[in-house]
Amino acid sequence: MDRRNALKIFGGAVAAGGAGLVALTTAFKPEKLPAAEPSKINYNPPETDWKYARLDPAATAELAYNSYSDGSCMYATVQSVVSQLNEKVGGPYSSFPYHMFKYGHGGVGGYGTVCGALNGAAAVIGLVVADKGVQDKMIADVFKWYEKESFPTYNPVNPNYDTELPKSAPNSVLCHASNTNWCNDSGFTVASKERKERCRRLTADVAQKVATALNEIHANAYIANAHTNEADGTCMACHGNEGKVKNASVKMSCTSCHTESVAHKVFADIHYKLMK
């Protein structure tokens, strides 16, 4: 047999083996968890001193953008909502301790964990929505929207730094991953004026989103589960409590921090199927 024919036979065997392996892993692939269907939430607010009044989402965004320099992302998100409620409702909002939310900057004291704007959004949802189950659904919706939305979209009336900024999806609710992904996509460094302006405008985007969500829940017009990510149905099918591995509890996108190795892609499904 000459060398050319030998190479053809070898190539055919590799191709056939590869096709067989692909077919095998497909056959053993566990079924994704079903995605939660969009559904209306019926919420009846209890009697409380922390009453809610409808907010102007665009005004909320502008307030968040303008107050960013006073305490960064978490502070600005909370201040943009609560300051308006103070004007409309008064009462307990008049002595609200805004300063405590300055800790959320840079992913909690600069630690790079959850984005401060999201931390602030969750805080104001918890403040004016008393039901824990409703809080969880609203927070999940805002977080999932944030993961896949291309930011920043907000255009300030009086920009702190007047420039056009590239947009990209954070693919994570974590501050450090969100910033890193944007820096990689835009080419700007994390210490640049552009990145800082990006976070300032992104905070306005989140403030506008949470104001809209709060308006809808108090008007009994809120639709939950409007956003999904791959962690809902793919990773958690194996690693969540409904799977066999049972070593993870998460709603956030997995792929910003965890990438699949070749071994995981090729053998994980087979291994999973054979697990007891």
C-alpha atoms as a PDB file:
ATOM      1  CA  MET A   1       0.000   0.000   0.000  1.00  0.00           C
ATOM      2  CA  ASP A   2       1.477   3.361  -0.944  1.00  0.00           C
ATOM      3  CA  ARG A   3       1.684   6.305   1.405  1.00  0.00           C
ATOM      4  CA  ARG A   4      -1.137   8.251  -0.255  1.00  0.00           C
ATOM      5  CA  ASN A   5      -3.655   5.412   0.094  1.00  0.00           C
ATOM      6  CA  ALA A   6      -2.557   4.798   3.686  1.00  0.00           C
ATOM      7  CA  LEU A   7      -3.203   8.433   4.547  1.00  0.00           C
ATOM      8  CA  LYS A   8      -6.649   8.256   2.923  1.00  0.00           C
ATOM      9  CA  ILE A   9      -7.555   5.190   4.961  1.00  0.00           C
ATOM     10  CA  PHE A  10      -6.248   6.774   8.169  1.00  0.00           C
ATOM     11  CA  GLY A  11      -8.120  10.014   7.462  1.00  0.00           C
ATOM     12  CA  GLY A  12     -11.316   8.081   6.802  1.00  0.00           C
ATOM     13  CA  ALA A  13     -10.937   6.169  10.051  1.00  0.00           C
ATOM     14  CA  VAL A  14     -10.389   9.387  12.022  1.00  0.00           C
ATOM     15  CA  ALA A  15     -13.388  11.031  10.353  1.00  0.00           C
ATOM     16  CA  ALA A  16     -15.564   8.001  10.999  1.00  0.00           C
ATOM     17  CA  GLY A  17     -14.368   7.800  14.578  1.00  0.00           C
ATOM     18  CA  GLY A  18     -15.027  11.493  15.084  1.00  0.00           C
ATOM     19  CA  ALA A  19     -18.500  11.198  13.607  1.00  0.00           C
ATOM     20  CA  GLY A  20     -19.167   8.200  15.806  1.00  0.00           C
ATOM     21  CA  LEU A  21     -17.954  10.044  18.889  1.00  0.00           C
ATOM     22  CA  VAL A  22     -20.167  13.018  18.073  1.00  0.00           C
ATOM     23  CA  ALA A  23     -23.129  10.696  17.599  1.00  0.00           C
ATOM     24  CA  LEU A  24     -22.320   8.949  20.881  1.00  0.00           C
ATOM     25  CA  THR A  25     -22.095  12.150  22.916  1.00  0.00           C
ATOM     26  CA  THR A  26     -25.300  13.423  21.330  1.00  0.00           C
ATOM     27  CA  ALA A  27     -27.075  10.200  22.252  1.00  0.00           C
ATOM     28  CA  PHE A  28     -25.929  10.520  25.880  1.00  0.00           C
ATOM     29  CA  LYS A  29     -26.598  14.268  26.221  1.00  0.00           C
ATOM     30  CA  PRO A  30     -28.948  15.008  29.141  1.00  0.00           C
ATOM     31  CA  GLU A  31     -32.105  16.948  28.385  1.00  0.00           C
ATOM     32  CA  LYS A  32     -32.048  20.663  29.134  1.00  0.00           C
ATOM     33  CA  LEU A  33     -34.200  21.899  31.959  1.00  0.00           C
ATOM     34  CA  PRO A  34     -37.327  23.580  30.579  1.00  0.00           C
ATOM     35  CA  ALA A  35     -37.155  27.361  30.507  1.00  0.00           C
ATOM     36  CA  ALA A  36     -39.592  29.189  32.776  1.00  0.00           C
ATOM     37  CA  GLU A  37     -42.466  30.597  30.748  1.00  0.00           C
ATOM     38  CA  PRO A  38     -43.304  34.311  30.933  1.00  0.00           C
ATOM     39  CA  SER A  39     -46.105  34.825  33.433  1.00  0.00           C
ATOM     40  CA  LYS A  40     -47.979  37.711  35.017  1.00  0.00           C
ATOM     41  CA  ILE A  41     -47.388  38.361  38.716  1.00  0.00           C
ATOM     42  CA  ASN A  42     -50.406  39.391  40.771  1.00  0.00           C
ATOM     43  CA  TYR A  43     -49.029  41.461  43.631  1.00  0.00           C
ATOM     44  CA  ASN A  44     -51.093  43.089  46.377  1.00  0.00           C
ATOM     45  CA  PRO A  45     -48.844  45.439  48.370  1.00  0.00           C
ATOM     46  CA  PRO A  46     -49.342  45.214  52.135  1.00  0.00           C
ATOM     47  CA  GLU A  47     -50.016  48.252  54.284  1.00  0.00           C
ATOM     48  CA  THR A  48     -46.668  49.801  55.096  1.00  0.00           C
ATOM     49  CA  ASP A  49     -45.052  53.178  55.703  1.00  0.00           C
ATOM     50  CA  TRP A  50     -42.753  52.495  52.751  1.00  0.00           C
ATOM     51  CA  LYS A  51     -45.339  53.343  50.128  1.00  0.00           C
ATOM     52  CA  TYR A  52     -44.637  53.513  46.416  1.00  0.00           C
ATOM     53  CA  ALA A  53     -45.511  56.169  43.850  1.00  0.00           C
ATOM     54  CA  ARG A  54     -45.038  55.855  40.118  1.00  0.00           C
ATOM     55  CA  LEU A  55     -41.655  57.068  38.876  1.00  0.00           C
ATOM     56  CA  ASP A  56     -40.545  58.562  35.578  1.00  0.00           C
ATOM     57  CA  PRO A  57     -37.977  56.035  34.265  1.00  0.00           C
ATOM     58  CA  ALA A  58     -36.203  58.613  32.089  1.00  0.00           C
ATOM     59  CA  ALA A  59     -35.909  61.035  35.010  1.00  0.00           C
ATOM     60  CA  THR A  60     -34.645  58.161  37.167  1.00  0.00           C
ATOM     61  CA  ALA A  61     -31.901  57.436  34.661  1.00  0.00           C
ATOM     62  CA  GLU A  62     -30.836  61.072  34.583  1.00  0.00           C
ATOM     63  CA  LEU A  63     -30.789  61.266  38.384  1.00  0.00           C
ATOM     64  CA  ALA A  64     -28.635  58.138  38.572  1.00  0.00           C
ATOM     65  CA  TYR A  65     -26.199  59.490  35.998  1.00  0.00           C
ATOM     66  CA  ASN A  66     -25.877  62.848  37.763  1.00  0.00           C
ATOM     67  CA  SER A  67     -25.459  61.398  41.270  1.00  0.00           C
ATOM     68  CA  TYR A  68     -22.881  58.803  40.204  1.00  0.00           C
ATOM     69  CA  SER A  69     -19.946  61.021  41.165  1.00  0.00           C
ATOM     70  CA  ASP A  70     -21.295  61.313  44.746  1.00  0.00           C
ATOM     71  CA  GLY A  71     -20.997  57.609  45.560  1.00  0.00           C
ATOM     72  CA  SER A  72     -20.671  55.467  42.404  1.00  0.00           C
ATOM     73  CA  CYS A  73     -22.965  52.813  40.947  1.00  0.00           C
ATOM     74  CA  MET A  74     -24.930  51.291  43.843  1.00  0.00           C
ATOM     75  CA  TYR A  75     -25.381  54.622  45.580  1.00  0.00           C
ATOM     76  CA  ALA A  76     -26.580  56.315  42.383  1.00  0.00           C
ATOM     77  CA  THR A  77     -29.120  53.582  41.590  1.00  0.00           C
ATOM     78  CA  VAL A  78     -30.646  53.710  45.082  1.00  0.00           C
ATOM     79  CA  GLN A  79     -30.536  57.504  45.297  1.00  0.00           C
ATOM     80  CA  SER A  80     -32.271  57.933  41.926  1.00  0.00           C
ATOM     81  CA  VAL A  81     -35.283  55.928  43.113  1.00  0.00           C
ATOM     82  CA  VAL A  82     -35.525  56.851  46.787  1.00  0.00           C
ATOM     83  CA  SER A  83     -35.021  60.614  46.299  1.00  0.00           C
ATOM     84  CA  GLN A  84     -38.079  60.682  44.039  1.00  0.00           C
ATOM     85  CA  LEU A  85     -40.115  58.661  46.542  1.00  0.00           C
ATOM     86  CA  ASN A  86     -39.105  61.166  49.195  1.00  0.00           C
ATOM     87  CA  GLU A  87     -40.551  63.962  47.050  1.00  0.00           C
ATOM     88  CA  LYS A  88     -43.739  62.039  46.224  1.00  0.00           C
ATOM     89  CA  VAL A  89     -44.411  60.150  49.469  1.00  0.00           C
ATOM     90  CA  GLY A  90     -42.262  61.714  52.180  1.00  0.00           C
ATOM     91  CA  GLY A  91     -42.451  59.887  55.501  1.00  0.00           C
ATOM     92  CA  PRO A  92     -39.638  57.429  56.133  1.00  0.00           C
ATOM     93  CA  TYR A  93     -37.899  58.300  52.878  1.00  0.00           C
ATOM     94  CA  SER A  94     -37.013  61.752  54.216  1.00  0.00           C
ATOM     95  CA  SER A  95     -34.387  60.292  56.568  1.00  0.00           C
ATOM     96  CA  PHE A  96     -33.121  57.553  54.272  1.00  0.00           C
ATOM     97  CA  PRO A  97     -29.393  56.751  54.797  1.00  0.00           C
ATOM     98  CA  TYR A  98     -28.138  57.000  51.214  1.00  0.00           C
ATOM     99  CA  HIS A  99     -24.525  56.999  52.359  1.00  0.00           C
ATOM    100  CA  MET A 100     -24.616  53.328  53.358  1.00  0.00           C
ATOM    101  CA  PHE A 101     -24.919  52.287  49.706  1.00  0.00           C
ATOM    102  CA  LYS A 102     -21.558  53.741  48.763  1.00  0.00           C
ATOM    103  CA  TYR A 103     -20.071  50.404  49.821  1.00  0.00           C
ATOM    104  CA  GLY A 104     -21.346  48.814  46.601  1.00  0.00           C
ATOM    105  CA  HIS A 105     -18.896  50.572  44.278  1.00  0.00           C
ATOM    106  CA  GLY A 106     -16.653  48.381  42.122  1.00  0.00           C
ATOM    107  CA  GLY A 107     -18.473  45.185  43.033  1.00  0.00           C
ATOM    108  CA  VAL A 108     -18.663  45.769  46.840  1.00  0.00           C
ATOM    109  CA  GLY A 109     -15.813  47.886  48.115  1.00  0.00           C
ATOM    110  CA  GLY A 110     -13.881  47.424  44.868  1.00  0.00           C
ATOM    111  CA  TYR A 111     -13.877  43.635  45.289  1.00  0.00           C
ATOM    112  CA  GLY A 112     -15.239  42.974  41.803  1.00  0.00           C
ATOM    113  CA  THR A 113     -18.250  40.850  42.819  1.00  0.00           C
ATOM    114  CA  VAL A 114     -21.863  41.720  41.949  1.00  0.00           C
ATOM    115  CA  CYS A 115     -22.228  44.908  39.878  1.00  0.00           C
ATOM    116  CA  GLY A 116     -23.111  47.814  42.161  1.00  0.00           C
ATOM    117  CA  ALA A 117     -25.897  49.026  39.891  1.00  0.00           C
ATOM    118  CA  LEU A 118     -27.543  45.597  40.156  1.00  0.00           C
ATOM    119  CA  ASN A 119     -26.921  45.514  43.906  1.00  0.00           C
ATOM    120  CA  GLY A 120     -28.733  48.851  44.148  1.00  0.00           C
ATOM    121  CA  ALA A 121     -31.579  47.639  41.943  1.00  0.00           C
ATOM    122  CA  ALA A 122     -32.065  44.609  44.188  1.00  0.00           C
ATOM    123  CA  ALA A 123     -32.007  46.871  47.268  1.00  0.00           C
ATOM    124  CA  VAL A 124     -34.802  49.159  46.049  1.00  0.00           C
ATOM    125  CA  ILE A 125     -36.878  46.172  44.927  1.00  0.00           C
ATOM    126  CA  GLY A 126     -36.494  44.774  48.437  1.00  0.00           C
ATOM    127  CA  LEU A 127     -37.431  48.150  49.908  1.00  0.00           C
ATOM    128  CA  VAL A 128     -40.784  48.627  48.160  1.00  0.00           C
ATOM    129  CA  VAL A 129     -41.805  45.038  47.324  1.00  0.00           C
ATOM    130  CA  ALA A 130     -42.487  43.108  50.529  1.00  0.00           C
ATOM    131  CA  ASP A 131     -43.067  39.612  49.129  1.00  0.00           C
ATOM    132  CA  LYS A 132     -39.793  37.617  49.022  1.00  0.00           C
ATOM    133  CA  GLY A 133     -40.954  35.384  46.160  1.00  0.00           C
ATOM    134  CA  VAL A 134     -41.873  38.419  44.062  1.00  0.00           C
ATOM    135  CA  GLN A 135     -38.565  40.068  44.965  1.00  0.00           C
ATOM    136  CA  ASP A 136     -36.675  36.999  43.732  1.00  0.00           C
ATOM    137  CA  LYS A 137     -38.483  36.958  40.386  1.00  0.00           C
ATOM    138  CA  MET A 138     -37.997  40.664  39.771  1.00  0.00           C
ATOM    139  CA  ILE A 139     -34.325  40.561  40.727  1.00  0.00           C
ATOM    140  CA  ALA A 140     -33.745  37.555  38.449  1.00  0.00           C
ATOM    141  CA  ASP A 141     -35.401  39.385  35.571  1.00  0.00           C
ATOM    142  CA  VAL A 142     -33.236  42.495  35.997  1.00  0.00           C
ATOM    143  CA  PHE A 143     -30.074  40.420  36.379  1.00  0.00           C
ATOM    144  CA  LYS A 144     -30.765  38.247  33.317  1.00  0.00           C
ATOM    145  CA  TRP A 145     -31.608  41.329  31.252  1.00  0.00           C
ATOM    146  CA  TYR A 146     -28.307  42.876  32.332  1.00  0.00           C
ATOM    147  CA  GLU A 147     -26.295  39.817  31.307  1.00  0.00           C
ATOM    148  CA  LYS A 148     -27.407  39.927  27.670  1.00  0.00           C
ATOM    149  CA  GLU A 149     -28.184  43.606  27.027  1.00  0.00           C
ATOM    150  CA  SER A 150     -25.603  45.632  25.071  1.00  0.00           C
ATOM    151  CA  PHE A 151     -24.465  48.528  27.257  1.00  0.00           C
ATOM    152  CA  PRO A 152     -24.380  51.426  27.550  1.00  0.00           C
ATOM    153  CA  THR A 153     -27.553  52.593  25.789  1.00  0.00           C
ATOM    154  CA  TYR A 154     -28.267  55.691  27.881  1.00  0.00           C
ATOM    155  CA  ASN A 155     -27.423  59.072  26.346  1.00  0.00           C
ATOM    156  CA  PRO A 156     -26.961  61.718  29.060  1.00  0.00           C
ATOM    157  CA  VAL A 157     -28.476  65.175  28.677  1.00  0.00           C
ATOM    158  CA  ASN A 158     -25.303  66.777  30.025  1.00  0.00           C
ATOM    159  CA  PRO A 159     -22.551  64.171  29.676  1.00  0.00           C
ATOM    160  CA  ASN A 160     -19.719  64.122  32.162  1.00  0.00           C
ATOM    161  CA  TYR A 161     -17.492  62.887  29.341  1.00  0.00           C
ATOM    162  CA  ASP A 162     -18.888  63.663  25.900  1.00  0.00           C
ATOM    163  CA  THR A 163     -17.862  60.747  23.700  1.00  0.00           C
ATOM    164  CA  GLU A 164     -19.310  57.862  21.711  1.00  0.00           C
ATOM    165  CA  LEU A 165     -18.888  54.587  23.573  1.00  0.00           C
ATOM    166  CA  PRO A 166     -18.825  51.053  22.145  1.00  0.00           C
ATOM    167  CA  LYS A 167     -21.562  48.725  23.393  1.00  0.00           C
ATOM    168  CA  SER A 168     -21.255  45.121  24.467  1.00  0.00           C
ATOM    169  CA  ALA A 169     -23.139  42.587  26.567  1.00  0.00           C
ATOM    170  CA  PRO A 170     -21.602  41.970  30.024  1.00  0.00           C
ATOM    171  CA  ASN A 171     -22.397  38.222  29.885  1.00  0.00           C
ATOM    172  CA  SER A 172     -22.122  38.336  33.681  1.00  0.00           C
ATOM    173  CA  VAL A 173     -23.601  40.069  36.723  1.00  0.00           C
ATOM    174  CA  LEU A 174     -20.124  40.331  38.243  1.00  0.00           C
ATOM    175  CA  CYS A 175     -18.432  43.718  38.160  1.00  0.00           C
ATOM    176  CA  HIS A 176     -14.985  42.447  37.199  1.00  0.00           C
ATOM    177  CA  ALA A 177     -16.284  40.211  34.389  1.00  0.00           C
ATOM    178  CA  SER A 178     -18.620  42.908  33.090  1.00  0.00           C
ATOM    179  CA  ASN A 179     -15.786  45.432  32.957  1.00  0.00           C
ATOM    180  CA  THR A 180     -13.274  42.982  31.505  1.00  0.00           C
ATOM    181  CA  ASN A 181     -15.629  41.873  28.744  1.00  0.00           C
ATOM    182  CA  TRP A 182     -16.324  45.489  27.802  1.00  0.00           C
ATOM    183  CA  CYS A 183     -12.622  46.378  27.863  1.00  0.00           C
ATOM    184  CA  ASN A 184     -11.799  43.386  25.663  1.00  0.00           C
ATOM    185  CA  ASP A 185     -14.531  44.332  23.186  1.00  0.00           C
ATOM    186  CA  SER A 186     -13.828  48.070  23.159  1.00  0.00           C
ATOM    187  CA  GLY A 187     -10.032  48.108  23.440  1.00  0.00           C
ATOM    188  CA  PHE A 188     -10.076  50.586  26.351  1.00  0.00           C
ATOM    189  CA  THR A 189      -8.353  49.870  29.660  1.00  0.00           C
ATOM    190  CA  VAL A 190     -10.191  49.466  32.948  1.00  0.00           C
ATOM    191  CA  ALA A 191      -8.700  52.745  34.262  1.00  0.00           C
ATOM    192  CA  SER A 192      -9.657  54.756  31.174  1.00  0.00           C
ATOM    193  CA  LYS A 193     -12.123  57.659  31.112  1.00  0.00           C
ATOM    194  CA  GLU A 194     -14.148  55.681  28.609  1.00  0.00           C
ATOM    195  CA  ARG A 195     -14.602  52.682  30.935  1.00  0.00           C
ATOM    196  CA  LYS A 196     -15.582  54.946  33.830  1.00  0.00           C
ATOM    197  CA  GLU A 197     -18.105  56.737  31.634  1.00  0.00           C
ATOM    198  CA  ARG A 198     -19.394  53.375  30.462  1.00  0.00           C
ATOM    199  CA  CYS A 199     -20.181  52.363  34.055  1.00  0.00           C
ATOM    200  CA  ARG A 200     -21.777  55.727  34.762  1.00  0.00           C
ATOM    201  CA  ARG A 201     -24.118  55.375  31.791  1.00  0.00           C
ATOM    202  CA  LEU A 202     -24.731  51.692  32.517  1.00  0.00           C
ATOM    203  CA  THR A 203     -25.877  52.712  36.014  1.00  0.00           C
ATOM    204  CA  ALA A 204     -28.438  55.017  34.420  1.00  0.00           C
ATOM    205  CA  ASP A 205     -29.607  52.124  32.226  1.00  0.00           C
ATOM    206  CA  VAL A 206     -30.121  49.899  35.278  1.00  0.00           C
ATOM    207  CA  ALA A 207     -31.895  52.666  37.226  1.00  0.00           C
ATOM    208  CA  GLN A 208     -34.293  53.169  34.337  1.00  0.00           C
ATOM    209  CA  LYS A 209     -34.915  49.431  34.120  1.00  0.00           C
ATOM    210  CA  VAL A 210     -35.685  49.014  37.813  1.00  0.00           C
ATOM    211  CA  ALA A 211     -37.964  52.080  37.852  1.00  0.00           C
ATOM    212  CA  THR A 212     -39.936  50.564  34.980  1.00  0.00           C
ATOM    213  CA  ALA A 213     -40.136  47.224  36.810  1.00  0.00           C
ATOM    214  CA  LEU A 214     -41.351  48.868  40.025  1.00  0.00           C
ATOM    215  CA  ASN A 215     -44.010  50.811  38.115  1.00  0.00           C
ATOM    216  CA  GLU A 216     -45.247  47.618  36.500  1.00  0.00           C
ATOM    217  CA  ILE A 217     -45.387  45.507  39.670  1.00  0.00           C
ATOM    218  CA  HIS A 218     -47.364  48.174  41.536  1.00  0.00           C
ATOM    219  CA  ALA A 219     -49.709  48.587  38.560  1.00  0.00           C
ATOM    220  CA  ASN A 220     -50.302  44.801  38.446  1.00  0.00           C
ATOM    221  CA  ALA A 221     -48.826  44.709  34.949  1.00  0.00           C
ATOM    222  CA  TYR A 222     -45.566  42.874  35.601  1.00  0.00           C
ATOM    223  CA  ILE A 223     -44.576  39.908  33.414  1.00  0.00           C
ATOM    224  CA  ALA A 224     -41.921  37.685  34.972  1.00  0.00           C
ATOM    225  CA  ASN A 225     -39.434  35.375  33.229  1.00  0.00           C
ATOM    226  CA  ALA A 226     -39.026  37.655  30.226  1.00  0.00           C
ATOM    227  CA  HIS A 227     -35.302  36.816  30.000  1.00  0.00           C
ATOM    228  CA  THR A 228     -33.343  33.559  30.084  1.00  0.00           C
ATOM    229  CA  ASN A 229     -29.747  32.374  29.945  1.00  0.00           C
ATOM    230  CA  GLU A 230     -27.985  29.082  29.275  1.00  0.00           C
ATOM    231  CA  ALA A 231     -27.487  28.316  32.988  1.00  0.00           C
ATOM    232  CA  ASP A 232     -31.234  27.757  33.322  1.00  0.00           C
ATOM    233  CA  GLY A 233     -31.361  24.791  31.006  1.00  0.00           C
ATOM    234  CA  THR A 234     -27.873  23.570  30.110  1.00  0.00           C
ATOM    235  CA  CYS A 235     -25.307  23.652  32.918  1.00  0.00           C
ATOM    236  CA  MET A 236     -27.851  23.196  35.682  1.00  0.00           C
ATOM    237  CA  ALA A 237     -29.368  20.147  33.991  1.00  0.00           C
ATOM    238  CA  CYS A 238     -26.314  18.289  35.311  1.00  0.00           C
ATOM    239  CA  HIS A 239     -24.953  20.459  38.114  1.00  0.00           C
ATOM    240  CA  GLY A 240     -28.198  21.711  39.675  1.00  0.00           C
ATOM    241  CA  ASN A 241     -30.389  20.030  42.235  1.00  0.00           C
ATOM    242  CA  GLU A 242     -32.454  18.363  39.499  1.00  0.00           C
ATOM    243  CA  GLY A 243     -29.358  16.717  37.981  1.00  0.00           C
ATOM    244  CA  LYS A 244     -27.017  13.999  39.203  1.00  0.00           C
ATOM    245  CA  VAL A 245     -23.978  16.115  40.065  1.00  0.00           C
ATOM    246  CA  LYS A 246     -25.857  18.468  42.435  1.00  0.00           C
ATOM    247  CA  ASN A 247     -22.909  20.750  43.185  1.00  0.00           C
ATOM    248  CA  ALA A 248     -24.159  24.181  42.058  1.00  0.00           C
ATOM    249  CA  SER A 249     -26.953  26.596  42.875  1.00  0.00           C
ATOM    250  CA  VAL A 250     -27.034  29.500  40.446  1.00  0.00           C
ATOM    251  CA  LYS A 251     -29.173  31.533  38.076  1.00  0.00           C
ATOM    252  CA  MET A 252     -26.387  33.623  36.566  1.00  0.00           C
ATOM    253  CA  SER A 253     -24.701  32.964  33.246  1.00  0.00           C
ATOM    254  CA  CYS A 254     -21.923  30.386  33.680  1.00  0.00           C
ATOM    255  CA  THR A 255     -19.804  31.032  30.613  1.00  0.00           C
ATOM    256  CA  SER A 256     -18.248  34.340  31.641  1.00  0.00           C
ATOM    257  CA  CYS A 257     -16.079  32.520  34.200  1.00  0.00           C
ATOM    258  CA  HIS A 258     -16.305  28.838  33.241  1.00  0.00           C
ATOM    259  CA  THR A 259     -15.323  27.595  29.786  1.00  0.00           C
ATOM    260  CA  GLU A 260     -15.694  23.985  28.754  1.00  0.00           C
ATOM    261  CA  SER A 261     -12.504  21.993  28.364  1.00  0.00           C
ATOM    262  CA  VAL A 262     -12.153  19.626  25.401  1.00  0.00           C
ATOM    263  CA  ALA A 263     -12.516  16.683  27.789  1.00  0.00           C
ATOM    264  CA  HIS A 264     -15.738  18.129  29.210  1.00  0.00           C
ATOM    265  CA  LYS A 265     -17.187  18.706  25.754  1.00  0.00           C
ATOM    266  CA  VAL A 266     -16.310  15.204  24.569  1.00  0.00           C
ATOM    267  CA  PHE A 267     -16.779  13.002  27.609  1.00  0.00           C
ATOM    268  CA  ALA A 268     -18.954  14.814  30.155  1.00  0.00           C
ATOM    269  CA  ASP A 269     -22.282  13.721  28.682  1.00  0.00           C
ATOM    270  CA  ILE A 270     -21.215  10.085  28.466  1.00  0.00           C
ATOM    271  CA  HIS A 271     -19.837  10.175  31.999  1.00  0.00           C
ATOM    272  CA  TYR A 272     -23.034  11.826  33.265  1.00  0.00           C
ATOM    273  CA  LYS A 273     -25.231   9.192  31.628  1.00  0.00           C
ATOM    274  CA  LEU A 274     -23.277   6.387  33.307  1.00  0.00           C
ATOM    275  CA  MET A 275     -23.333   8.015  36.762  1.00  0.00           C
ATOM    276  CA  LYS A 276     -25.512   6.390  39.400  1.00  0.00           C
END
